[in-house]
Amino acid sequence: IKTLHAKDEVSQQEFDNAALAAESARTAREAAQAAVKEAEGGVSAAGARLAEAKTAPQQVGIMRARAASAEAKVAQARAALAQAQFDLDYATVKAPAAGYVSKKTVEVGQVVQPGQPLLAIVPLDDIWVTANFKESQLRQIRAGQRAQVAVDAYGGRRYQGHVDSISPATGARFSLLPPENASGNYVKGQDPEHILRPGMSVVPTVFVK
């Protein structure tokens, strides 16, 4: 078109229109090339996603197998822990109640048999005092009355309690040297510090009013 324009065989307007059309065509071609490249990139990405999607079920299966294996190991470890705890509990001999060992019939390293008595335990949370009163004094003593016990070993330290019961038996059944005309009565006391021991000498006082 430039040659024809140089020879004046086409007008200036025709030349300008042709040049504009050529520029538009180049722009359209470049846009088309860019679209092709973008489409090719999309095809590649789609192909990669397709390949990943094809292997996804296999990957899911592998992950599930790993999870199942981990769960089995956890269950096995828990079972081993439970067995170890059972063995430890079985090897530990526990007393039925907390208290003071008053008699021991076994030594460290000694072999024992099932059912063999090992210790005699006096509970310290439930303190009882056997008090001997004259029968003439029992006329005013009733179960539930407030009582006080003075302990000789602790300088007469006093503990609070109450009369739990009155025995109809004579004192001869409750003391080594039976007092004359006496009866055994049970006074229940409180010892939060757990310092009282069986066999201690005490002086009980019952408040009848």
N, C-alpha and C. Protein backbone atom coordinates (compact mmCIF):
# COMPACT_ATOMS: atom_id res chain seq x y z
N ILE A 1 0.83 -1.20 0.00
CA ILE A 1 0.00 0.00 0.00
C ILE A 1 0.87 1.25 0.00
N LYS A 2 2.07 1.11 0.62
CA LYS A 2 2.98 2.25 0.62
C LYS A 2 3.46 2.55 -0.81
N THR A 3 3.72 1.49 -1.57
CA THR A 3 4.18 1.67 -2.97
C THR A 3 3.11 2.35 -3.81
N LEU A 4 1.89 1.92 -3.65
CA LEU A 4 0.79 2.53 -4.39
C LEU A 4 0.60 3.98 -3.96
N HIS A 5 0.78 4.24 -2.68
CA HIS A 5 0.63 5.60 -2.20
C HIS A 5 1.74 6.49 -2.75
N ALA A 6 2.94 5.92 -2.87
CA ALA A 6 4.05 6.70 -3.41
C ALA A 6 3.82 7.04 -4.88
N LYS A 7 3.15 6.16 -5.59
CA LYS A 7 2.87 6.41 -7.01
C LYS A 7 1.58 7.19 -7.19
N ASP A 8 1.01 7.63 -6.12
CA ASP A 8 -0.25 8.37 -6.14
C ASP A 8 -1.38 7.56 -6.76
N GLU A 9 -1.29 6.21 -6.61
CA GLU A 9 -2.35 5.38 -7.15
C GLU A 9 -3.48 5.19 -6.12
N VAL A 10 -3.22 5.51 -4.84
CA VAL A 10 -4.26 5.49 -3.82
C VAL A 10 -4.24 6.82 -3.12
N SER A 11 -5.39 7.20 -2.59
CA SER A 11 -5.48 8.49 -1.91
C SER A 11 -4.90 8.39 -0.51
N GLN A 12 -4.69 9.57 0.07
CA GLN A 12 -4.16 9.62 1.44
C GLN A 12 -5.12 8.99 2.42
N GLN A 13 -6.38 9.18 2.22
CA GLN A 13 -7.39 8.61 3.13
C GLN A 13 -7.38 7.10 3.07
N GLU A 14 -7.26 6.57 1.84
CA GLU A 14 -7.22 5.12 1.69
C GLU A 14 -5.96 4.56 2.37
N PHE A 15 -4.86 5.31 2.24
CA PHE A 15 -3.62 4.87 2.87
C PHE A 15 -3.75 4.86 4.39
N ASP A 16 -4.33 5.94 4.92
CA ASP A 16 -4.50 6.01 6.38
C ASP A 16 -5.42 4.91 6.89
N ASN A 17 -6.48 4.64 6.16
CA ASN A 17 -7.40 3.58 6.57
C ASN A 17 -6.71 2.22 6.56
N ALA A 18 -5.88 2.00 5.54
CA ALA A 18 -5.17 0.73 5.44
C ALA A 18 -4.16 0.59 6.58
N ALA A 19 -3.46 1.69 6.91
CA ALA A 19 -2.48 1.65 8.00
C ALA A 19 -3.16 1.38 9.34
N LEU A 20 -4.31 2.03 9.53
CA LEU A 20 -5.05 1.82 10.77
C LEU A 20 -5.54 0.38 10.88
N ALA A 21 -6.00 -0.17 9.76
CA ALA A 21 -6.46 -1.55 9.76
C ALA A 21 -5.32 -2.52 10.07
N ALA A 22 -4.12 -2.20 9.51
CA ALA A 22 -2.97 -3.05 9.76
C ALA A 22 -2.56 -3.02 11.23
N GLU A 23 -2.59 -1.82 11.83
CA GLU A 23 -2.25 -1.69 13.25
C GLU A 23 -3.24 -2.43 14.12
N SER A 24 -4.52 -2.32 13.77
CA SER A 24 -5.54 -3.04 14.52
C SER A 24 -5.34 -4.55 14.41
N ALA A 25 -4.95 -4.98 13.22
CA ALA A 25 -4.72 -6.42 13.02
C ALA A 25 -3.56 -6.91 13.86
N ARG A 26 -2.46 -6.08 13.93
CA ARG A 26 -1.32 -6.47 14.75
C ARG A 26 -1.71 -6.56 16.22
N THR A 27 -2.48 -5.57 16.67
CA THR A 27 -2.92 -5.57 18.07
C THR A 27 -3.78 -6.79 18.37
N ALA A 28 -4.68 -7.09 17.44
CA ALA A 28 -5.54 -8.26 17.63
C ALA A 28 -4.73 -9.54 17.65
N ARG A 29 -3.68 -9.58 16.77
CA ARG A 29 -2.84 -10.78 16.74
C ARG A 29 -2.09 -10.96 18.05
N GLU A 30 -1.54 -9.86 18.58
CA GLU A 30 -0.82 -9.95 19.85
C GLU A 30 -1.75 -10.38 21.00
N ALA A 31 -2.97 -9.84 20.99
CA ALA A 31 -3.94 -10.23 22.02
C ALA A 31 -4.29 -11.70 21.89
N ALA A 32 -4.42 -12.15 20.62
CA ALA A 32 -4.74 -13.55 20.40
C ALA A 32 -3.61 -14.45 20.86
N GLN A 33 -2.35 -14.01 20.60
CA GLN A 33 -1.20 -14.79 21.04
C GLN A 33 -1.16 -14.90 22.57
N ALA A 34 -1.45 -13.76 23.22
CA ALA A 34 -1.47 -13.77 24.69
C ALA A 34 -2.57 -14.69 25.21
N ALA A 35 -3.72 -14.65 24.54
CA ALA A 35 -4.83 -15.52 24.96
C ALA A 35 -4.46 -16.98 24.78
N VAL A 36 -3.72 -17.26 23.68
CA VAL A 36 -3.30 -18.65 23.44
C VAL A 36 -2.35 -19.12 24.54
N LYS A 37 -1.39 -18.25 24.90
CA LYS A 37 -0.46 -18.62 25.96
C LYS A 37 -1.19 -18.85 27.29
N GLU A 38 -2.13 -17.95 27.56
CA GLU A 38 -2.90 -18.10 28.81
C GLU A 38 -3.71 -19.40 28.80
N ALA A 39 -4.29 -19.68 27.63
CA ALA A 39 -5.07 -20.92 27.52
C ALA A 39 -4.18 -22.14 27.68
N GLU A 40 -2.97 -22.06 27.08
CA GLU A 40 -2.04 -23.18 27.22
C GLU A 40 -1.64 -23.38 28.68
N GLY A 41 -1.43 -22.22 29.39
CA GLY A 41 -1.12 -22.33 30.82
C GLY A 41 -2.26 -22.94 31.60
N GLY A 42 -3.49 -22.55 31.22
CA GLY A 42 -4.65 -23.14 31.88
C GLY A 42 -4.75 -24.63 31.62
N VAL A 43 -4.42 -25.02 30.39
CA VAL A 43 -4.45 -26.45 30.06
C VAL A 43 -3.42 -27.21 30.89
N SER A 44 -2.22 -26.62 31.03
CA SER A 44 -1.18 -27.28 31.83
C SER A 44 -1.62 -27.42 33.29
N ALA A 45 -2.19 -26.32 33.85
CA ALA A 45 -2.65 -26.37 35.24
C ALA A 45 -3.77 -27.39 35.40
N ALA A 46 -4.68 -27.40 34.41
CA ALA A 46 -5.77 -28.37 34.48
C ALA A 46 -5.24 -29.79 34.40
N GLY A 47 -4.21 -29.98 33.57
CA GLY A 47 -3.61 -31.32 33.49
C GLY A 47 -2.97 -31.73 34.81
N ALA A 48 -2.30 -30.76 35.47
CA ALA A 48 -1.68 -31.07 36.76
C ALA A 48 -2.74 -31.41 37.80
N ARG A 49 -3.84 -30.62 37.79
CA ARG A 49 -4.92 -30.91 38.74
C ARG A 49 -5.56 -32.26 38.44
N LEU A 50 -5.67 -32.56 37.17
CA LEU A 50 -6.25 -33.85 36.79
C LEU A 50 -5.37 -35.00 37.28
N ALA A 51 -4.06 -34.84 37.12
CA ALA A 51 -3.14 -35.88 37.58
C ALA A 51 -3.20 -36.02 39.10
N GLU A 52 -3.29 -34.86 39.78
CA GLU A 52 -3.39 -34.89 41.25
C GLU A 52 -4.69 -35.54 41.69
N ALA A 53 -5.77 -35.21 40.95
CA ALA A 53 -7.07 -35.81 41.29
C ALA A 53 -7.05 -37.31 41.09
N LYS A 54 -6.32 -37.76 40.07
CA LYS A 54 -6.26 -39.20 39.82
C LYS A 54 -5.52 -39.93 40.93
N THR A 55 -4.51 -39.26 41.52
CA THR A 55 -3.74 -39.91 42.61
C THR A 55 -4.33 -39.64 43.98
N ALA A 56 -5.34 -38.74 44.07
CA ALA A 56 -5.92 -38.39 45.37
C ALA A 56 -6.50 -39.59 46.10
N PRO A 57 -7.30 -40.44 45.46
CA PRO A 57 -7.82 -41.61 46.19
C PRO A 57 -6.72 -42.48 46.77
N GLN A 58 -5.64 -42.62 46.02
CA GLN A 58 -4.53 -43.43 46.52
C GLN A 58 -3.89 -42.77 47.74
N GLN A 59 -3.73 -41.42 47.67
CA GLN A 59 -3.16 -40.71 48.81
C GLN A 59 -4.07 -40.80 50.03
N VAL A 60 -5.38 -40.70 49.79
CA VAL A 60 -6.34 -40.82 50.89
C VAL A 60 -6.24 -42.19 51.54
N GLY A 61 -6.11 -43.21 50.71
CA GLY A 61 -5.97 -44.56 51.24
C GLY A 61 -4.71 -44.72 52.08
N ILE A 62 -3.61 -44.11 51.60
CA ILE A 62 -2.36 -44.19 52.36
C ILE A 62 -2.49 -43.49 53.70
N MET A 63 -3.11 -42.29 53.70
CA MET A 63 -3.28 -41.55 54.94
C MET A 63 -4.18 -42.29 55.91
N ARG A 64 -5.22 -42.92 55.39
CA ARG A 64 -6.11 -43.69 56.26
C ARG A 64 -5.38 -44.87 56.88
N ALA A 65 -4.55 -45.52 56.09
CA ALA A 65 -3.78 -46.65 56.61
C ALA A 65 -2.82 -46.20 57.70
N ARG A 66 -2.19 -45.04 57.48
CA ARG A 66 -1.28 -44.51 58.50
C ARG A 66 -2.04 -44.16 59.78
N ALA A 67 -3.22 -43.56 59.62
CA ALA A 67 -4.02 -43.21 60.80
C ALA A 67 -4.45 -44.46 61.56
N ALA A 68 -4.86 -45.49 60.84
CA ALA A 68 -5.26 -46.74 61.49
C ALA A 68 -4.09 -47.37 62.24
N SER A 69 -2.90 -47.31 61.62
CA SER A 69 -1.71 -47.86 62.28
C SER A 69 -1.38 -47.08 63.55
N ALA A 70 -1.51 -45.74 63.48
CA ALA A 70 -1.25 -44.92 64.67
C ALA A 70 -2.25 -45.21 65.78
N GLU A 71 -3.53 -45.37 65.42
CA GLU A 71 -4.55 -45.69 66.41
C GLU A 71 -4.28 -47.04 67.06
N ALA A 72 -3.83 -47.99 66.27
CA ALA A 72 -3.52 -49.32 66.82
C ALA A 72 -2.36 -49.23 67.81
N LYS A 73 -1.36 -48.41 67.49
CA LYS A 73 -0.23 -48.24 68.40
C LYS A 73 -0.67 -47.56 69.69
N VAL A 74 -1.57 -46.57 69.57
CA VAL A 74 -2.08 -45.90 70.77
C VAL A 74 -2.85 -46.89 71.65
N ALA A 75 -3.70 -47.70 71.03
CA ALA A 75 -4.46 -48.70 71.79
C ALA A 75 -3.52 -49.70 72.47
N GLN A 76 -2.47 -50.09 71.77
CA GLN A 76 -1.50 -51.02 72.34
C GLN A 76 -0.77 -50.39 73.53
N ALA A 77 -0.40 -49.11 73.38
CA ALA A 77 0.28 -48.42 74.48
C ALA A 77 -0.64 -48.27 75.69
N ARG A 78 -1.92 -47.97 75.44
CA ARG A 78 -2.87 -47.84 76.54
C ARG A 78 -3.06 -49.18 77.26
N ALA A 79 -3.11 -50.25 76.51
CA ALA A 79 -3.25 -51.56 77.12
C ALA A 79 -2.03 -51.90 77.97
N ALA A 80 -0.84 -51.55 77.46
CA ALA A 80 0.38 -51.80 78.23
C ALA A 80 0.40 -50.97 79.51
N LEU A 81 -0.07 -49.71 79.42
CA LEU A 81 -0.14 -48.85 80.60
C LEU A 81 -1.12 -49.40 81.63
N ALA A 82 -2.28 -49.85 81.16
CA ALA A 82 -3.28 -50.42 82.07
C ALA A 82 -2.74 -51.67 82.76
N GLN A 83 -2.02 -52.50 82.02
CA GLN A 83 -1.45 -53.71 82.60
C GLN A 83 -0.38 -53.37 83.63
N ALA A 84 0.45 -52.37 83.31
CA ALA A 84 1.49 -51.95 84.26
C ALA A 84 0.87 -51.39 85.53
N GLN A 85 -0.20 -50.60 85.40
CA GLN A 85 -0.88 -50.05 86.57
C GLN A 85 -1.52 -51.16 87.39
N PHE A 86 -2.09 -52.15 86.71
CA PHE A 86 -2.69 -53.29 87.41
C PHE A 86 -1.63 -54.06 88.18
N ASP A 87 -0.48 -54.30 87.55
CA ASP A 87 0.61 -55.01 88.22
C ASP A 87 1.10 -54.23 89.43
N LEU A 88 1.20 -52.89 89.27
CA LEU A 88 1.66 -52.07 90.39
C LEU A 88 0.67 -52.10 91.54
N ASP A 89 -0.63 -51.97 91.21
CA ASP A 89 -1.65 -52.01 92.26
C ASP A 89 -1.68 -53.38 92.94
N TYR A 90 -1.47 -54.42 92.16
CA TYR A 90 -1.51 -55.77 92.72
C TYR A 90 -0.32 -56.02 93.64
N ALA A 91 0.81 -55.36 93.31
CA ALA A 91 2.02 -55.56 94.11
C ALA A 91 2.03 -54.70 95.36
N THR A 92 1.13 -53.71 95.43
CA THR A 92 1.07 -52.82 96.59
C THR A 92 -0.04 -53.29 97.53
N VAL A 93 0.34 -53.61 98.75
CA VAL A 93 -0.63 -54.05 99.75
C VAL A 93 -1.10 -52.82 100.52
N LYS A 94 -2.38 -52.54 100.44
CA LYS A 94 -2.94 -51.35 101.08
C LYS A 94 -3.78 -51.75 102.29
N ALA A 95 -3.63 -50.97 103.34
CA ALA A 95 -4.43 -51.20 104.55
C ALA A 95 -5.86 -50.73 104.31
N PRO A 96 -6.83 -51.37 104.92
CA PRO A 96 -8.22 -50.95 104.73
C PRO A 96 -8.54 -49.60 105.35
N ALA A 97 -7.67 -49.13 106.25
CA ALA A 97 -7.92 -47.84 106.90
C ALA A 97 -6.59 -47.26 107.35
N ALA A 98 -6.54 -45.93 107.47
CA ALA A 98 -5.34 -45.27 107.98
C ALA A 98 -5.32 -45.38 109.50
N GLY A 99 -4.13 -45.58 110.05
CA GLY A 99 -4.06 -45.71 111.50
C GLY A 99 -2.65 -45.95 111.99
N TYR A 100 -2.56 -46.44 113.21
CA TYR A 100 -1.29 -46.67 113.89
C TYR A 100 -1.04 -48.18 113.98
N VAL A 101 0.16 -48.59 113.58
CA VAL A 101 0.51 -50.02 113.62
C VAL A 101 0.81 -50.40 115.07
N SER A 102 -0.06 -51.22 115.62
CA SER A 102 0.13 -51.65 117.01
C SER A 102 0.83 -53.00 117.12
N LYS A 103 0.81 -53.76 116.03
CA LYS A 103 1.44 -55.08 116.06
C LYS A 103 1.89 -55.43 114.65
N LYS A 104 3.14 -55.91 114.52
CA LYS A 104 3.67 -56.28 113.21
C LYS A 104 4.21 -57.70 113.28
N THR A 105 3.77 -58.53 112.34
CA THR A 105 4.18 -59.94 112.34
C THR A 105 4.99 -60.30 111.11
N VAL A 106 5.50 -59.31 110.39
CA VAL A 106 6.25 -59.58 109.17
C VAL A 106 7.43 -58.63 109.09
N GLU A 107 8.51 -59.07 108.45
CA GLU A 107 9.70 -58.25 108.28
C GLU A 107 9.99 -58.06 106.79
N VAL A 108 10.81 -57.06 106.48
CA VAL A 108 11.17 -56.78 105.09
C VAL A 108 11.90 -57.98 104.49
N GLY A 109 11.48 -58.39 103.31
CA GLY A 109 12.10 -59.52 102.62
C GLY A 109 11.48 -60.86 102.94
N GLN A 110 10.58 -60.88 103.89
CA GLN A 110 9.94 -62.14 104.26
C GLN A 110 8.88 -62.52 103.24
N VAL A 111 8.79 -63.80 102.92
CA VAL A 111 7.78 -64.30 101.99
C VAL A 111 6.48 -64.52 102.75
N VAL A 112 5.40 -63.99 102.23
CA VAL A 112 4.10 -64.12 102.89
C VAL A 112 3.16 -64.91 102.00
N GLN A 113 2.10 -65.39 102.60
CA GLN A 113 1.11 -66.19 101.91
C GLN A 113 -0.22 -65.44 101.86
N PRO A 114 -1.06 -65.74 100.89
CA PRO A 114 -2.39 -65.10 100.83
C PRO A 114 -3.18 -65.36 102.10
N GLY A 115 -3.77 -64.31 102.64
CA GLY A 115 -4.56 -64.43 103.85
C GLY A 115 -3.77 -64.35 105.14
N GLN A 116 -2.45 -64.24 105.04
CA GLN A 116 -1.62 -64.18 106.25
C GLN A 116 -1.70 -62.80 106.88
N PRO A 117 -2.02 -62.70 108.18
CA PRO A 117 -2.05 -61.39 108.85
C PRO A 117 -0.64 -60.79 108.89
N LEU A 118 -0.53 -59.53 108.52
CA LEU A 118 0.76 -58.85 108.50
C LEU A 118 0.88 -57.80 109.59
N LEU A 119 -0.19 -57.02 109.77
CA LEU A 119 -0.15 -55.92 110.71
C LEU A 119 -1.48 -55.81 111.44
N ALA A 120 -1.41 -55.25 112.62
CA ALA A 120 -2.62 -54.86 113.34
C ALA A 120 -2.64 -53.34 113.38
N ILE A 121 -3.70 -52.74 112.87
CA ILE A 121 -3.78 -51.29 112.75
C ILE A 121 -4.91 -50.75 113.62
N VAL A 122 -4.57 -49.74 114.39
CA VAL A 122 -5.57 -49.05 115.20
C VAL A 122 -5.94 -47.75 114.48
N PRO A 123 -7.16 -47.60 114.02
CA PRO A 123 -7.55 -46.36 113.31
C PRO A 123 -7.39 -45.14 114.22
N LEU A 124 -6.88 -44.06 113.64
CA LEU A 124 -6.67 -42.83 114.41
C LEU A 124 -7.76 -41.80 114.16
N ASP A 125 -8.66 -42.08 113.22
CA ASP A 125 -9.74 -41.14 112.95
C ASP A 125 -10.95 -41.39 113.83
N ASP A 126 -10.94 -42.50 114.55
CA ASP A 126 -12.09 -42.87 115.38
C ASP A 126 -11.57 -43.28 116.75
N ILE A 127 -11.44 -42.32 117.66
CA ILE A 127 -10.80 -42.55 118.96
C ILE A 127 -11.85 -42.94 120.00
N TRP A 128 -11.53 -44.03 120.73
CA TRP A 128 -12.42 -44.50 121.79
C TRP A 128 -11.66 -44.58 123.11
N VAL A 129 -12.33 -44.24 124.17
CA VAL A 129 -11.76 -44.35 125.51
C VAL A 129 -12.70 -45.22 126.35
N THR A 130 -12.13 -46.25 126.95
CA THR A 130 -12.92 -47.08 127.87
C THR A 130 -12.76 -46.51 129.28
N ALA A 131 -13.83 -45.96 129.81
CA ALA A 131 -13.79 -45.30 131.12
C ALA A 131 -14.54 -46.14 132.14
N ASN A 132 -13.94 -46.28 133.32
CA ASN A 132 -14.57 -47.03 134.41
C ASN A 132 -15.14 -46.06 135.44
N PHE A 133 -16.45 -46.09 135.58
CA PHE A 133 -17.13 -45.27 136.58
C PHE A 133 -17.82 -46.19 137.59
N LYS A 134 -17.97 -45.67 138.77
CA LYS A 134 -18.71 -46.43 139.78
C LYS A 134 -20.17 -46.50 139.38
N GLU A 135 -20.80 -47.58 139.80
CA GLU A 135 -22.20 -47.76 139.44
C GLU A 135 -23.07 -46.65 140.01
N SER A 136 -22.65 -46.10 141.13
CA SER A 136 -23.42 -44.99 141.70
C SER A 136 -23.31 -43.73 140.84
N GLN A 137 -22.20 -43.62 140.07
CA GLN A 137 -22.03 -42.46 139.20
C GLN A 137 -22.81 -42.60 137.90
N LEU A 138 -23.14 -43.83 137.54
CA LEU A 138 -23.81 -44.07 136.26
C LEU A 138 -25.26 -43.59 136.26
N ARG A 139 -25.79 -43.26 137.42
CA ARG A 139 -27.19 -42.84 137.47
C ARG A 139 -27.43 -41.58 136.65
N GLN A 140 -26.42 -40.73 136.58
CA GLN A 140 -26.59 -39.46 135.88
C GLN A 140 -25.94 -39.44 134.49
N ILE A 141 -25.24 -40.51 134.14
CA ILE A 141 -24.54 -40.55 132.84
C ILE A 141 -25.46 -41.14 131.78
N ARG A 142 -25.53 -40.46 130.65
CA ARG A 142 -26.36 -40.90 129.54
C ARG A 142 -25.54 -40.84 128.24
N ALA A 143 -25.90 -41.69 127.30
CA ALA A 143 -25.26 -41.65 125.99
C ALA A 143 -25.54 -40.32 125.30
N GLY A 144 -24.52 -39.73 124.71
CA GLY A 144 -24.66 -38.45 124.03
C GLY A 144 -24.20 -37.27 124.84
N GLN A 145 -23.98 -37.46 126.16
CA GLN A 145 -23.52 -36.35 126.99
C GLN A 145 -22.09 -35.94 126.62
N ARG A 146 -21.82 -34.65 126.77
CA ARG A 146 -20.49 -34.13 126.45
C ARG A 146 -19.47 -34.66 127.45
N ALA A 147 -18.29 -35.00 126.93
CA ALA A 147 -17.23 -35.54 127.77
C ALA A 147 -15.92 -34.85 127.45
N GLN A 148 -15.01 -34.94 128.40
CA GLN A 148 -13.67 -34.35 128.23
C GLN A 148 -12.66 -35.35 128.76
N VAL A 149 -11.55 -35.52 128.01
CA VAL A 149 -10.54 -36.50 128.39
C VAL A 149 -9.21 -35.78 128.55
N ALA A 150 -8.60 -35.92 129.73
CA ALA A 150 -7.28 -35.35 130.01
C ALA A 150 -6.24 -36.44 129.85
N VAL A 151 -5.21 -36.20 129.04
CA VAL A 151 -4.19 -37.20 128.74
C VAL A 151 -2.95 -36.93 129.59
N ASP A 152 -2.58 -37.91 130.41
CA ASP A 152 -1.44 -37.73 131.31
C ASP A 152 -0.13 -37.55 130.54
N ALA A 153 0.02 -38.25 129.42
CA ALA A 153 1.28 -38.21 128.67
C ALA A 153 1.56 -36.83 128.09
N TYR A 154 0.53 -36.01 127.92
CA TYR A 154 0.69 -34.68 127.35
C TYR A 154 0.38 -33.59 128.37
N GLY A 155 0.74 -33.86 129.62
CA GLY A 155 0.60 -32.86 130.66
C GLY A 155 -0.84 -32.50 130.96
N GLY A 156 -1.75 -33.47 130.83
CA GLY A 156 -3.15 -33.20 131.12
C GLY A 156 -3.88 -32.51 129.99
N ARG A 157 -3.33 -32.55 128.82
CA ARG A 157 -4.00 -31.92 127.67
C ARG A 157 -5.39 -32.52 127.49
N ARG A 158 -6.36 -31.66 127.23
CA ARG A 158 -7.75 -32.09 127.20
C ARG A 158 -8.28 -32.23 125.77
N TYR A 159 -9.07 -33.27 125.59
CA TYR A 159 -9.72 -33.53 124.31
C TYR A 159 -11.22 -33.61 124.53
N GLN A 160 -11.95 -33.12 123.56
CA GLN A 160 -13.41 -33.10 123.66
C GLN A 160 -14.00 -34.36 123.03
N GLY A 161 -15.13 -34.80 123.60
CA GLY A 161 -15.80 -35.98 123.07
C GLY A 161 -17.21 -36.08 123.61
N HIS A 162 -17.77 -37.27 123.53
CA HIS A 162 -19.10 -37.49 124.07
C HIS A 162 -19.24 -38.95 124.47
N VAL A 163 -20.19 -39.22 125.35
CA VAL A 163 -20.46 -40.59 125.78
C VAL A 163 -21.16 -41.32 124.65
N ASP A 164 -20.54 -42.39 124.19
CA ASP A 164 -21.13 -43.13 123.08
C ASP A 164 -22.08 -44.22 123.57
N SER A 165 -21.66 -44.95 124.59
CA SER A 165 -22.51 -46.04 125.09
C SER A 165 -22.11 -46.38 126.52
N ILE A 166 -23.00 -47.06 127.21
CA ILE A 166 -22.77 -47.51 128.58
C ILE A 166 -22.92 -49.02 128.61
N SER A 167 -21.87 -49.70 129.05
CA SER A 167 -21.89 -51.16 129.05
C SER A 167 -22.52 -51.67 130.34
N PRO A 168 -23.33 -52.71 130.24
CA PRO A 168 -23.93 -53.28 131.45
C PRO A 168 -22.97 -54.16 132.23
N ALA A 169 -21.80 -54.46 131.64
CA ALA A 169 -20.85 -55.35 132.31
C ALA A 169 -20.14 -54.62 133.43
N THR A 170 -19.52 -55.39 134.31
CA THR A 170 -18.77 -54.80 135.41
C THR A 170 -17.38 -54.44 134.95
N GLY A 171 -16.69 -53.66 135.77
CA GLY A 171 -15.35 -53.21 135.43
C GLY A 171 -14.36 -54.34 135.33
N ALA A 172 -14.66 -55.51 135.90
CA ALA A 172 -13.73 -56.63 135.85
C ALA A 172 -13.46 -57.06 134.42
N ARG A 173 -14.34 -56.74 133.49
CA ARG A 173 -14.15 -57.16 132.10
C ARG A 173 -13.32 -56.16 131.31
N PHE A 174 -13.03 -54.99 131.89
CA PHE A 174 -12.39 -53.96 131.10
C PHE A 174 -11.06 -53.49 131.68
N SER A 175 -10.65 -53.95 132.83
CA SER A 175 -9.40 -53.47 133.40
C SER A 175 -8.62 -54.63 134.00
N LEU A 176 -7.29 -54.45 134.02
CA LEU A 176 -6.43 -55.49 134.58
C LEU A 176 -6.65 -55.63 136.08
N LEU A 177 -6.78 -54.50 136.77
CA LEU A 177 -7.08 -54.51 138.20
C LEU A 177 -8.52 -54.03 138.36
N PRO A 178 -9.47 -54.94 138.45
CA PRO A 178 -10.89 -54.54 138.45
C PRO A 178 -11.24 -53.66 139.63
N PRO A 179 -11.79 -52.46 139.34
CA PRO A 179 -12.23 -51.60 140.44
C PRO A 179 -13.51 -52.14 141.06
N GLU A 180 -13.71 -51.77 142.27
CA GLU A 180 -14.89 -52.26 142.98
C GLU A 180 -16.13 -51.49 142.53
N ASN A 181 -17.17 -52.26 142.18
CA ASN A 181 -18.45 -51.67 141.78
C ASN A 181 -18.28 -50.64 140.65
N ALA A 182 -17.56 -51.03 139.61
CA ALA A 182 -17.35 -50.13 138.47
C ALA A 182 -17.87 -50.78 137.21
N SER A 183 -18.12 -49.95 136.20
CA SER A 183 -18.64 -50.45 134.93
C SER A 183 -17.89 -49.78 133.79
N GLY A 184 -17.71 -50.51 132.66
CA GLY A 184 -16.99 -49.96 131.52
C GLY A 184 -17.90 -49.14 130.62
N ASN A 185 -17.49 -47.92 130.32
CA ASN A 185 -18.28 -47.03 129.47
C ASN A 185 -17.38 -46.51 128.36
N TYR A 186 -17.96 -46.30 127.19
CA TYR A 186 -17.19 -45.89 126.03
C TYR A 186 -17.41 -44.41 125.75
N VAL A 187 -16.29 -43.68 125.74
CA VAL A 187 -16.31 -42.26 125.42
C VAL A 187 -15.61 -42.08 124.07
N LYS A 188 -16.30 -41.46 123.14
CA LYS A 188 -15.75 -41.23 121.81
C LYS A 188 -15.22 -39.81 121.73
N GLY A 189 -13.93 -39.67 121.33
CA GLY A 189 -13.30 -38.36 121.31
C GLY A 189 -12.78 -37.98 119.93
N GLN A 190 -12.24 -36.76 119.87
CA GLN A 190 -11.69 -36.22 118.62
C GLN A 190 -10.21 -35.94 118.80
N ASP A 191 -9.41 -36.41 117.85
CA ASP A 191 -7.97 -36.22 117.89
C ASP A 191 -7.50 -35.80 116.50
N PRO A 192 -7.69 -34.52 116.10
CA PRO A 192 -7.34 -34.10 114.74
C PRO A 192 -5.86 -34.19 114.44
N GLU A 193 -5.00 -34.14 115.48
CA GLU A 193 -3.55 -34.20 115.25
C GLU A 193 -3.03 -35.63 115.22
N HIS A 194 -3.88 -36.60 115.57
CA HIS A 194 -3.51 -38.02 115.54
C HIS A 194 -2.27 -38.31 116.40
N ILE A 195 -2.30 -37.84 117.64
CA ILE A 195 -1.15 -38.08 118.52
C ILE A 195 -1.50 -39.04 119.66
N LEU A 196 -2.76 -39.39 119.81
CA LEU A 196 -3.14 -40.35 120.84
C LEU A 196 -2.80 -41.76 120.38
N ARG A 197 -2.40 -42.60 121.35
CA ARG A 197 -2.01 -43.96 121.05
C ARG A 197 -2.73 -44.94 121.99
N PRO A 198 -2.93 -46.17 121.53
CA PRO A 198 -3.59 -47.16 122.38
C PRO A 198 -2.81 -47.39 123.68
N GLY A 199 -3.54 -47.54 124.77
CA GLY A 199 -2.91 -47.85 126.05
C GLY A 199 -2.55 -46.64 126.89
N MET A 200 -2.75 -45.42 126.37
CA MET A 200 -2.43 -44.23 127.15
C MET A 200 -3.39 -44.09 128.33
N SER A 201 -2.84 -43.54 129.41
CA SER A 201 -3.65 -43.31 130.60
C SER A 201 -4.33 -41.94 130.49
N VAL A 202 -5.65 -41.93 130.71
CA VAL A 202 -6.40 -40.68 130.60
C VAL A 202 -7.35 -40.56 131.79
N VAL A 203 -7.81 -39.33 132.00
CA VAL A 203 -8.79 -39.07 133.04
C VAL A 203 -10.03 -38.49 132.37
N PRO A 204 -11.14 -39.25 132.31
CA PRO A 204 -12.34 -38.75 131.64
C PRO A 204 -13.24 -37.96 132.59
N THR A 205 -13.90 -36.98 132.01
CA THR A 205 -14.89 -36.20 132.76
C THR A 205 -16.15 -36.12 131.91
N VAL A 206 -17.29 -36.48 132.49
CA VAL A 206 -18.57 -36.42 131.78
C VAL A 206 -19.39 -35.29 132.37
N PHE A 207 -19.88 -34.41 131.50
CA PHE A 207 -20.70 -33.29 131.94
C PHE A 207 -22.16 -33.73 131.91
N VAL A 208 -22.71 -33.94 133.08
CA VAL A 208 -24.07 -34.48 133.18
C VAL A 208 -25.12 -33.38 133.13
N LYS A 209 -24.70 -32.13 133.18
CA LYS A 209 -25.66 -31.02 133.13
C LYS A 209 -25.32 -30.11 131.98
